[in-house]
Amino acid sequence: LSGSGFAAWVQRGGASADAFSALWGAIFDWAAAAEGAVGGVRPAREPVRAGEPIRWLRGTEDTIVSVQLEAVNGPAAAQTFTLAFSRSRETAETAPLAEGRYRVRIGETTSTLVVNPSREWVPQAAGAPSRVDSGASSASQTLPLNAPRRPLRDAAWPFVAALVLLCAEWLARRAAGLR
């Protein structure tokens, strides 16, 4: 970034310095998985599915939090419930919700909760025939598409790859006489 002129943004001051700070702030927020404050409480990271209990993560030391849910495009009335966290547990569960979008109010903070279709409506991958000996019938194995996946930012290889590419760019610039 310094070789392409982004570092000069902060030295100019004004809007360019703010843009530089916003760029690096977004990069560090993404890398640190910062999801912002939602009243100290937010739904757990995995997708929320219809018919499954909703897990809530505690973000602060509050042990009792009042949550108000309101359907965005539905006739359902607003629901208010209280989440009770213990000192040893960081999560609390509430009853399942129907599929749709909900407005979540926790204190002064408002956010959106999306409840996805239930798992039975998620398509399954077609199984590949397994290797069999001659004379045996071929069997297929179905692998679920909705298996939980590890987020990219939790893996180390993208950061190592970015570092290697930045070093390679620096070496290529030095070899070309650019400093």
Protein backbone atom coordinates (compact mmCIF):
# COMPACT_ATOMS: atom_id res chain seq x y z
CA LEU A 1 0.00 0.00 0.00
CA SER A 2 2.79 2.41 0.73
CA GLY A 3 4.36 1.74 -2.69
CA SER A 4 1.13 2.57 -4.53
CA GLY A 5 0.65 5.94 -2.84
CA PHE A 6 -1.99 5.14 -0.24
CA ALA A 7 0.35 6.18 2.56
CA ALA A 8 0.44 9.72 1.15
CA TRP A 9 -3.30 10.01 1.77
CA VAL A 10 -2.81 10.44 5.50
CA GLN A 11 -0.14 13.10 5.01
CA ARG A 12 -2.43 15.31 2.92
CA GLY A 13 -4.97 15.64 5.72
CA GLY A 14 -8.68 16.30 5.30
CA ALA A 15 -10.87 13.88 3.37
CA SER A 16 -7.95 11.80 2.08
CA ALA A 17 -6.70 11.19 5.64
CA ASP A 18 -10.22 10.19 6.68
CA ALA A 19 -10.42 7.81 3.70
CA PHE A 20 -7.08 6.26 4.69
CA SER A 21 -8.28 5.78 8.28
CA ALA A 22 -11.59 4.32 7.08
CA LEU A 23 -9.78 1.91 4.73
CA TRP A 24 -7.50 0.57 7.45
CA GLY A 25 -10.32 0.56 9.98
CA ALA A 26 -12.41 -1.62 7.67
CA ILE A 27 -9.47 -3.95 7.05
CA PHE A 28 -8.77 -4.35 10.77
CA ASP A 29 -12.49 -4.76 11.61
CA TRP A 30 -12.78 -7.51 9.01
CA ALA A 31 -9.61 -9.24 10.20
CA ALA A 32 -10.68 -9.04 13.84
CA ALA A 33 -14.25 -10.12 12.97
CA ALA A 34 -15.67 -7.05 14.66
CA GLU A 35 -19.42 -7.09 14.19
CA GLY A 36 -20.21 -3.84 15.93
CA ALA A 37 -22.09 -3.32 19.13
CA VAL A 38 -25.69 -4.44 19.06
CA GLY A 39 -26.53 -3.47 22.61
CA GLY A 40 -23.94 -5.94 23.80
CA VAL A 41 -26.05 -8.88 22.54
CA ARG A 42 -26.24 -10.33 19.02
CA PRO A 43 -27.30 -13.57 17.35
CA ALA A 44 -24.60 -16.21 17.10
CA ARG A 45 -22.54 -16.28 13.90
CA GLU A 46 -24.12 -19.32 12.25
CA PRO A 47 -27.21 -18.77 10.08
CA VAL A 48 -30.51 -18.74 11.92
CA ARG A 49 -32.90 -21.32 10.49
CA ALA A 50 -36.67 -21.57 10.86
CA GLY A 51 -37.67 -24.16 13.44
CA GLU A 52 -34.34 -24.07 15.27
CA PRO A 53 -33.69 -22.23 18.54
CA ILE A 54 -31.90 -18.89 18.23
CA ARG A 55 -28.59 -18.63 20.08
CA TRP A 56 -27.65 -15.18 21.36
CA LEU A 57 -24.09 -14.14 22.27
CA ARG A 58 -23.41 -11.82 25.17
CA GLY A 59 -21.06 -8.98 24.30
CA THR A 60 -20.89 -7.19 27.65
CA GLU A 61 -21.08 -8.09 31.30
CA ASP A 62 -24.88 -7.65 31.39
CA THR A 63 -26.56 -10.81 32.65
CA ILE A 64 -30.15 -9.79 31.89
CA VAL A 65 -31.03 -8.09 28.60
CA SER A 66 -34.46 -7.12 27.25
CA VAL A 67 -34.95 -7.79 23.51
CA GLN A 68 -37.85 -6.66 21.32
CA LEU A 69 -38.49 -8.50 18.03
CA GLU A 70 -40.80 -7.16 15.34
CA ALA A 71 -41.48 -8.79 11.95
CA VAL A 72 -40.46 -6.43 9.12
CA ASN A 73 -42.96 -7.62 6.50
CA GLY A 74 -45.47 -9.53 8.51
CA PRO A 75 -48.66 -9.06 10.48
CA ALA A 76 -47.11 -10.59 13.61
CA ALA A 77 -47.10 -8.41 16.70
CA ALA A 78 -43.85 -7.39 18.35
CA GLN A 79 -42.44 -9.86 20.85
CA THR A 80 -40.52 -8.79 23.93
CA PHE A 81 -38.44 -11.27 25.88
CA THR A 82 -35.61 -11.27 28.36
CA LEU A 83 -32.31 -13.03 27.85
CA ALA A 84 -30.64 -14.27 31.02
CA PHE A 85 -26.94 -15.05 30.84
CA SER A 86 -24.98 -16.74 33.56
CA ARG A 87 -21.42 -15.78 34.40
CA SER A 88 -20.11 -19.10 33.05
CA ARG A 89 -22.10 -19.12 29.76
CA GLU A 90 -21.72 -16.63 26.93
CA THR A 91 -24.85 -17.77 25.07
CA ALA A 92 -28.59 -17.92 25.69
CA GLU A 93 -31.28 -19.59 23.57
CA THR A 94 -34.78 -18.47 22.66
CA ALA A 95 -37.68 -20.16 20.90
CA PRO A 96 -37.54 -20.70 17.12
CA LEU A 97 -39.00 -18.09 14.78
CA ALA A 98 -40.75 -18.40 11.44
CA GLU A 99 -38.82 -17.63 8.26
CA GLY A 100 -38.48 -13.92 7.50
CA ARG A 101 -36.81 -10.65 8.51
CA TYR A 102 -37.12 -9.22 12.00
CA ARG A 103 -36.19 -5.88 13.51
CA VAL A 104 -34.31 -6.39 16.78
CA ARG A 105 -34.31 -3.61 19.38
CA ILE A 106 -31.99 -3.84 22.34
CA GLY A 107 -32.04 -0.64 24.31
CA GLU A 108 -31.28 2.21 21.88
CA THR A 109 -29.77 -0.08 19.23
CA THR A 110 -31.70 -1.52 16.28
CA SER A 111 -30.51 -4.28 13.97
CA THR A 112 -31.96 -6.83 11.55
CA LEU A 113 -32.26 -10.57 12.13
CA VAL A 114 -32.83 -12.81 9.10
CA VAL A 115 -34.35 -16.23 9.70
CA ASN A 116 -33.53 -18.53 6.76
CA PRO A 117 -35.67 -21.44 5.54
CA SER A 118 -35.46 -24.63 7.55
CA ARG A 119 -32.72 -27.15 6.77
CA GLU A 120 -35.11 -29.47 4.94
CA TRP A 121 -35.42 -26.86 2.16
CA VAL A 122 -31.66 -26.53 1.64
CA PRO A 123 -30.59 -28.53 -1.44
CA GLN A 124 -28.28 -31.49 -0.98
CA ALA A 125 -25.33 -32.25 -3.25
CA ALA A 126 -25.71 -35.20 -5.54
CA GLY A 127 -23.51 -38.02 -4.36
CA ALA A 128 -20.65 -39.30 -6.41
CA PRO A 129 -20.52 -43.02 -7.03
CA SER A 130 -18.03 -44.72 -4.78
CA ARG A 131 -15.28 -47.00 -6.06
CA VAL A 132 -16.49 -50.55 -6.09
CA ASP A 133 -15.05 -53.91 -7.01
CA SER A 134 -16.25 -55.67 -10.14
CA GLY A 135 -19.66 -57.23 -9.77
CA ALA A 136 -20.80 -54.94 -6.95
CA SER A 137 -23.48 -52.33 -7.45
CA SER A 138 -22.47 -48.70 -7.31
CA ALA A 139 -23.50 -46.77 -4.24
CA SER A 140 -23.79 -43.05 -3.91
CA GLN A 141 -23.12 -40.90 -0.92
CA THR A 142 -24.95 -37.64 -0.26
CA LEU A 143 -22.93 -34.81 1.22
CA PRO A 144 -24.84 -31.91 2.80
CA LEU A 145 -24.22 -28.45 1.34
CA ASN A 146 -25.27 -26.78 4.56
CA ALA A 147 -22.52 -28.27 6.71
CA PRO A 148 -20.95 -25.58 8.89
CA ARG A 149 -17.92 -24.05 7.24
CA ARG A 150 -15.01 -22.29 8.84
CA PRO A 151 -14.87 -18.57 7.97
CA LEU A 152 -11.93 -17.51 5.81
CA ARG A 153 -10.67 -15.06 8.41
CA ASP A 154 -10.22 -17.92 10.90
CA ALA A 155 -7.69 -19.62 8.61
CA ALA A 156 -4.04 -18.58 8.61
CA TRP A 157 -3.27 -19.26 4.94
CA PRO A 158 -4.99 -16.13 3.48
CA PHE A 159 -2.86 -13.87 5.68
CA VAL A 160 0.32 -15.77 4.80
CA ALA A 161 -0.59 -15.62 1.09
CA ALA A 162 -1.21 -11.86 1.31
CA LEU A 163 2.13 -11.35 3.04
CA VAL A 164 3.97 -13.45 0.43
CA LEU A 165 2.30 -11.52 -2.42
CA LEU A 166 3.18 -8.16 -0.84
CA CYS A 167 6.81 -9.26 -0.42
CA ALA A 168 6.90 -10.51 -4.02
CA GLU A 169 5.52 -7.16 -5.24
CA TRP A 170 8.16 -5.30 -3.22
CA LEU A 171 10.94 -7.48 -4.67
CA ALA A 172 9.61 -7.02 -8.21
CA ARG A 173 9.50 -3.24 -7.76
CA ARG A 174 13.07 -3.21 -6.43
CA ALA A 175 14.26 -5.33 -9.36
CA ALA A 176 12.58 -2.92 -11.79
CA GLY A 177 14.33 0.03 -10.15
CA LEU A 178 11.23 1.42 -8.45
CA ARG A 179 11.74 2.37 -4.83
